[in-house]
Amino acid sequence: KEAITTGRPIREIVLEKGILTEEELEIILNPQEMTKPGIPGANLLK
């Protein structure tokens, strides 16, 4: 919601709030990762 209301990219907001690292975002927001079955970046939880 914040990205829509502020017009800022999700990546920028997530990094600013410290929710994920740049490396984690690269994996999760990777188009190949997002089109695989399952949760993008699930391997980060292991």
PDB file of N, CA and C in Angstrom:
ATOM      1  N   LYS A   1       0.821  -1.189   0.000  1.00  0.00           N
ATOM      2  CA  LYS A   1       0.000   0.000   0.000  1.00  0.00           C
ATOM      3  C   LYS A   1       0.867   1.257   0.000  1.00  0.00           C
ATOM      4  N   GLU A   2       1.917   1.231   0.785  1.00  0.00           N
ATOM      5  CA  GLU A   2       2.771   2.419   0.882  1.00  0.00           C
ATOM      6  C   GLU A   2       3.392   2.775  -0.463  1.00  0.00           C
ATOM      7  N   ALA A   3       3.803   1.754  -1.211  1.00  0.00           N
ATOM      8  CA  ALA A   3       4.408   2.006  -2.520  1.00  0.00           C
ATOM      9  C   ALA A   3       3.407   2.685  -3.456  1.00  0.00           C
ATOM     10  N   ILE A   4       2.173   2.261  -3.378  1.00  0.00           N
ATOM     11  CA  ILE A   4       1.144   2.852  -4.241  1.00  0.00           C
ATOM     12  C   ILE A   4       0.844   4.287  -3.819  1.00  0.00           C
ATOM     13  N   THR A   5       0.676   4.505  -2.520  1.00  0.00           N
ATOM     14  CA  THR A   5       0.304   5.845  -2.059  1.00  0.00           C
ATOM     15  C   THR A   5       1.434   6.859  -2.201  1.00  0.00           C
ATOM     16  N   THR A   6       2.690   6.395  -2.072  1.00  0.00           N
ATOM     17  CA  THR A   6       3.815   7.325  -2.162  1.00  0.00           C
ATOM     18  C   THR A   6       4.424   7.386  -3.556  1.00  0.00           C
ATOM     19  N   GLY A   7       4.142   6.368  -4.381  1.00  0.00           N
ATOM     20  CA  GLY A   7       4.726   6.317  -5.716  1.00  0.00           C
ATOM     21  C   GLY A   7       6.175   5.859  -5.709  1.00  0.00           C
ATOM     22  N   ARG A   8       6.636   5.360  -4.572  1.00  0.00           N
ATOM     23  CA  ARG A   8       8.022   4.885  -4.456  1.00  0.00           C
ATOM     24  C   ARG A   8       8.085   3.389  -4.753  1.00  0.00           C
ATOM     25  N   PRO A   9       9.220   2.911  -5.250  1.00  0.00           N
ATOM     26  CA  PRO A   9       9.374   1.479  -5.519  1.00  0.00           C
ATOM     27  C   PRO A   9       9.365   0.654  -4.229  1.00  0.00           C
ATOM     28  N   ILE A  10       8.843  -0.556  -4.330  1.00  0.00           N
ATOM     29  CA  ILE A  10       8.809  -1.471  -3.188  1.00  0.00           C
ATOM     30  C   ILE A  10      10.221  -1.704  -2.668  1.00  0.00           C
ATOM     31  N   ARG A  11      11.153  -1.904  -3.585  1.00  0.00           N
ATOM     32  CA  ARG A  11      12.550  -2.162  -3.199  1.00  0.00           C
ATOM     33  C   ARG A  11      13.076  -1.057  -2.276  1.00  0.00           C
ATOM     34  N   GLU A  12      12.830   0.179  -2.646  1.00  0.00           N
ATOM     35  CA  GLU A  12      13.304   1.327  -1.868  1.00  0.00           C
ATOM     36  C   GLU A  12      12.699   1.328  -0.458  1.00  0.00           C
ATOM     37  N   ILE A  13      11.423   1.074  -0.360  1.00  0.00           N
ATOM     38  CA  ILE A  13      10.739   1.082   0.935  1.00  0.00           C
ATOM     39  C   ILE A  13      11.239  -0.049   1.824  1.00  0.00           C
ATOM     40  N   VAL A  14      11.378  -1.238   1.260  1.00  0.00           N
ATOM     41  CA  VAL A  14      11.835  -2.398   2.031  1.00  0.00           C
ATOM     42  C   VAL A  14      13.247  -2.172   2.559  1.00  0.00           C
ATOM     43  N   LEU A  15      14.132  -1.631   1.727  1.00  0.00           N
ATOM     44  CA  LEU A  15      15.502  -1.361   2.165  1.00  0.00           C
ATOM     45  C   LEU A  15      15.534  -0.276   3.240  1.00  0.00           C
ATOM     46  N   GLU A  16      14.758   0.771   3.049  1.00  0.00           N
ATOM     47  CA  GLU A  16      14.721   1.875   4.006  1.00  0.00           C
ATOM     48  C   GLU A  16      14.259   1.406   5.386  1.00  0.00           C
ATOM     49  N   LYS A  17      13.283   0.500   5.410  1.00  0.00           N
ATOM     50  CA  LYS A  17      12.745   0.003   6.678  1.00  0.00           C
ATOM     51  C   LYS A  17      13.582  -1.135   7.261  1.00  0.00           C
ATOM     52  N   GLY A  18      14.560  -1.629   6.498  1.00  0.00           N
ATOM     53  CA  GLY A  18      15.431  -2.696   6.987  1.00  0.00           C
ATOM     54  C   GLY A  18      14.742  -4.046   7.061  1.00  0.00           C
ATOM     55  N   ILE A  19      13.707  -4.235   6.255  1.00  0.00           N
ATOM     56  CA  ILE A  19      12.956  -5.491   6.276  1.00  0.00           C
ATOM     57  C   ILE A  19      13.780  -6.619   5.663  1.00  0.00           C
ATOM     58  N   LEU A  20      14.447  -6.329   4.561  1.00  0.00           N
ATOM     59  CA  LEU A  20      15.305  -7.291   3.877  1.00  0.00           C
ATOM     60  C   LEU A  20      16.585  -6.594   3.447  1.00  0.00           C
ATOM     61  N   THR A  21      17.626  -7.403   3.195  1.00  0.00           N
ATOM     62  CA  THR A  21      18.875  -6.853   2.680  1.00  0.00           C
ATOM     63  C   THR A  21      18.781  -6.744   1.160  1.00  0.00           C
ATOM     64  N   GLU A  22      19.717  -6.044   0.561  1.00  0.00           N
ATOM     65  CA  GLU A  22      19.775  -5.917  -0.899  1.00  0.00           C
ATOM     66  C   GLU A  22      19.897  -7.297  -1.535  1.00  0.00           C
ATOM     67  N   GLU A  23      20.732  -8.151  -0.944  1.00  0.00           N
ATOM     68  CA  GLU A  23      20.938  -9.504  -1.476  1.00  0.00           C
ATOM     69  C   GLU A  23      19.639 -10.315  -1.435  1.00  0.00           C
ATOM     70  N   GLU A  24      18.924 -10.240  -0.326  1.00  0.00           N
ATOM     71  CA  GLU A  24      17.658 -10.965  -0.203  1.00  0.00           C
ATOM     72  C   GLU A  24      16.638 -10.462  -1.223  1.00  0.00           C
ATOM     73  N   LEU A  25      16.587  -9.158  -1.411  1.00  0.00           N
ATOM     74  CA  LEU A  25      15.669  -8.585  -2.397  1.00  0.00           C
ATOM     75  C   LEU A  25      16.008  -9.034  -3.810  1.00  0.00           C
ATOM     76  N   GLU A  26      17.296  -9.099  -4.129  1.00  0.00           N
ATOM     77  CA  GLU A  26      17.722  -9.548  -5.458  1.00  0.00           C
ATOM     78  C   GLU A  26      17.192 -10.949  -5.739  1.00  0.00           C
ATOM     79  N   ILE A  27      17.251 -11.813  -4.733  1.00  0.00           N
ATOM     80  CA  ILE A  27      16.782 -13.191  -4.897  1.00  0.00           C
ATOM     81  C   ILE A  27      15.262 -13.231  -5.009  1.00  0.00           C
ATOM     82  N   ILE A  28      14.589 -12.581  -4.094  1.00  0.00           N
ATOM     83  CA  ILE A  28      13.128 -12.638  -4.035  1.00  0.00           C
ATOM     84  C   ILE A  28      12.474 -11.961  -5.235  1.00  0.00           C
ATOM     85  N   LEU A  29      13.002 -10.840  -5.679  1.00  0.00           N
ATOM     86  CA  LEU A  29      12.394 -10.096  -6.783  1.00  0.00           C
ATOM     87  C   LEU A  29      12.923 -10.511  -8.157  1.00  0.00           C
ATOM     88  N   ASN A  30      13.757 -11.539  -8.194  1.00  0.00           N
ATOM     89  CA  ASN A  30      14.275 -12.070  -9.449  1.00  0.00           C
ATOM     90  C   ASN A  30      13.110 -12.697 -10.225  1.00  0.00           C
ATOM     91  N   PRO A  31      12.907 -12.304 -11.482  1.00  0.00           N
ATOM     92  CA  PRO A  31      11.781 -12.850 -12.258  1.00  0.00           C
ATOM     93  C   PRO A  31      11.765 -14.380 -12.328  1.00  0.00           C
ATOM     94  N   GLN A  32      12.925 -15.006 -12.440  1.00  0.00           N
ATOM     95  CA  GLN A  32      12.977 -16.473 -12.470  1.00  0.00           C
ATOM     96  C   GLN A  32      12.510 -17.050 -11.140  1.00  0.00           C
ATOM     97  N   GLU A  33      12.921 -16.454 -10.051  1.00  0.00           N
ATOM     98  CA  GLU A  33      12.534 -16.921  -8.724  1.00  0.00           C
ATOM     99  C   GLU A  33      11.025 -16.752  -8.514  1.00  0.00           C
ATOM    100  N   MET A  34      10.472 -15.662  -9.020  1.00  0.00           N
ATOM    101  CA  MET A  34       9.048 -15.388  -8.818  1.00  0.00           C
ATOM    102  C   MET A  34       8.154 -16.287  -9.666  1.00  0.00           C
ATOM    103  N   THR A  35       8.693 -16.894 -10.726  1.00  0.00           N
ATOM    104  CA  THR A  35       7.866 -17.749 -11.572  1.00  0.00           C
ATOM    105  C   THR A  35       8.006 -19.227 -11.243  1.00  0.00           C
ATOM    106  N   LYS A  36       8.846 -19.582 -10.292  1.00  0.00           N
ATOM    107  CA  LYS A  36       8.960 -20.964  -9.836  1.00  0.00           C
ATOM    108  C   LYS A  36       7.782 -21.276  -8.917  1.00  0.00           C
ATOM    109  N   PRO A  37       7.381 -22.552  -8.868  1.00  0.00           N
ATOM    110  CA  PRO A  37       6.352 -22.913  -7.886  1.00  0.00           C
ATOM    111  C   PRO A  37       6.870 -22.673  -6.470  1.00  0.00           C
ATOM    112  N   GLY A  38       6.003 -22.275  -5.586  1.00  0.00           N
ATOM    113  CA  GLY A  38       6.386 -22.044  -4.195  1.00  0.00           C
ATOM    114  C   GLY A  38       6.560 -20.573  -3.886  1.00  0.00           C
ATOM    115  N   ILE A  39       7.258 -20.309  -2.797  1.00  0.00           N
ATOM    116  CA  ILE A  39       7.449 -18.947  -2.309  1.00  0.00           C
ATOM    117  C   ILE A  39       8.807 -18.428  -2.780  1.00  0.00           C
ATOM    118  N   PRO A  40       8.840 -17.264  -3.453  1.00  0.00           N
ATOM    119  CA  PRO A  40      10.124 -16.712  -3.886  1.00  0.00           C
ATOM    120  C   PRO A  40      11.059 -16.495  -2.696  1.00  0.00           C
ATOM    121  N   GLY A  41      12.286 -16.997  -2.799  1.00  0.00           N
ATOM    122  CA  GLY A  41      13.261 -16.805  -1.741  1.00  0.00           C
ATOM    123  C   GLY A  41      13.090 -17.737  -0.559  1.00  0.00           C
ATOM    124  N   ALA A  42      12.258 -18.759  -0.681  1.00  0.00           N
ATOM    125  CA  ALA A  42      12.017 -19.679   0.435  1.00  0.00           C
ATOM    126  C   ALA A  42      13.312 -20.324   0.916  1.00  0.00           C
ATOM    127  N   ASN A  43      14.269 -20.503   0.007  1.00  0.00           N
ATOM    128  CA  ASN A  43      15.548 -21.102   0.399  1.00  0.00           C
ATOM    129  C   ASN A  43      16.318 -20.221   1.378  1.00  0.00           C
ATOM    130  N   LEU A  44      15.961 -18.952   1.489  1.00  0.00           N
ATOM    131  CA  LEU A  44      16.612 -18.059   2.453  1.00  0.00           C
ATOM    132  C   LEU A  44      16.227 -18.410   3.884  1.00  0.00           C
ATOM    133  N   LEU A  45      15.092 -19.079   4.044  1.00  0.00           N
ATOM    134  CA  LEU A  45      14.602 -19.410   5.376  1.00  0.00           C
ATOM    135  C   LEU A  45      15.299 -20.622   5.964  1.00  0.00           C
ATOM    136  N   LYS A  46      16.015 -21.359   5.146  1.00  0.00           N
ATOM    137  CA  LYS A  46      16.664 -22.590   5.617  1.00  0.00           C
ATOM    138  C   LYS A  46      17.989 -22.311   6.251  1.00  0.00           C
TER     139      LYS A  46
END
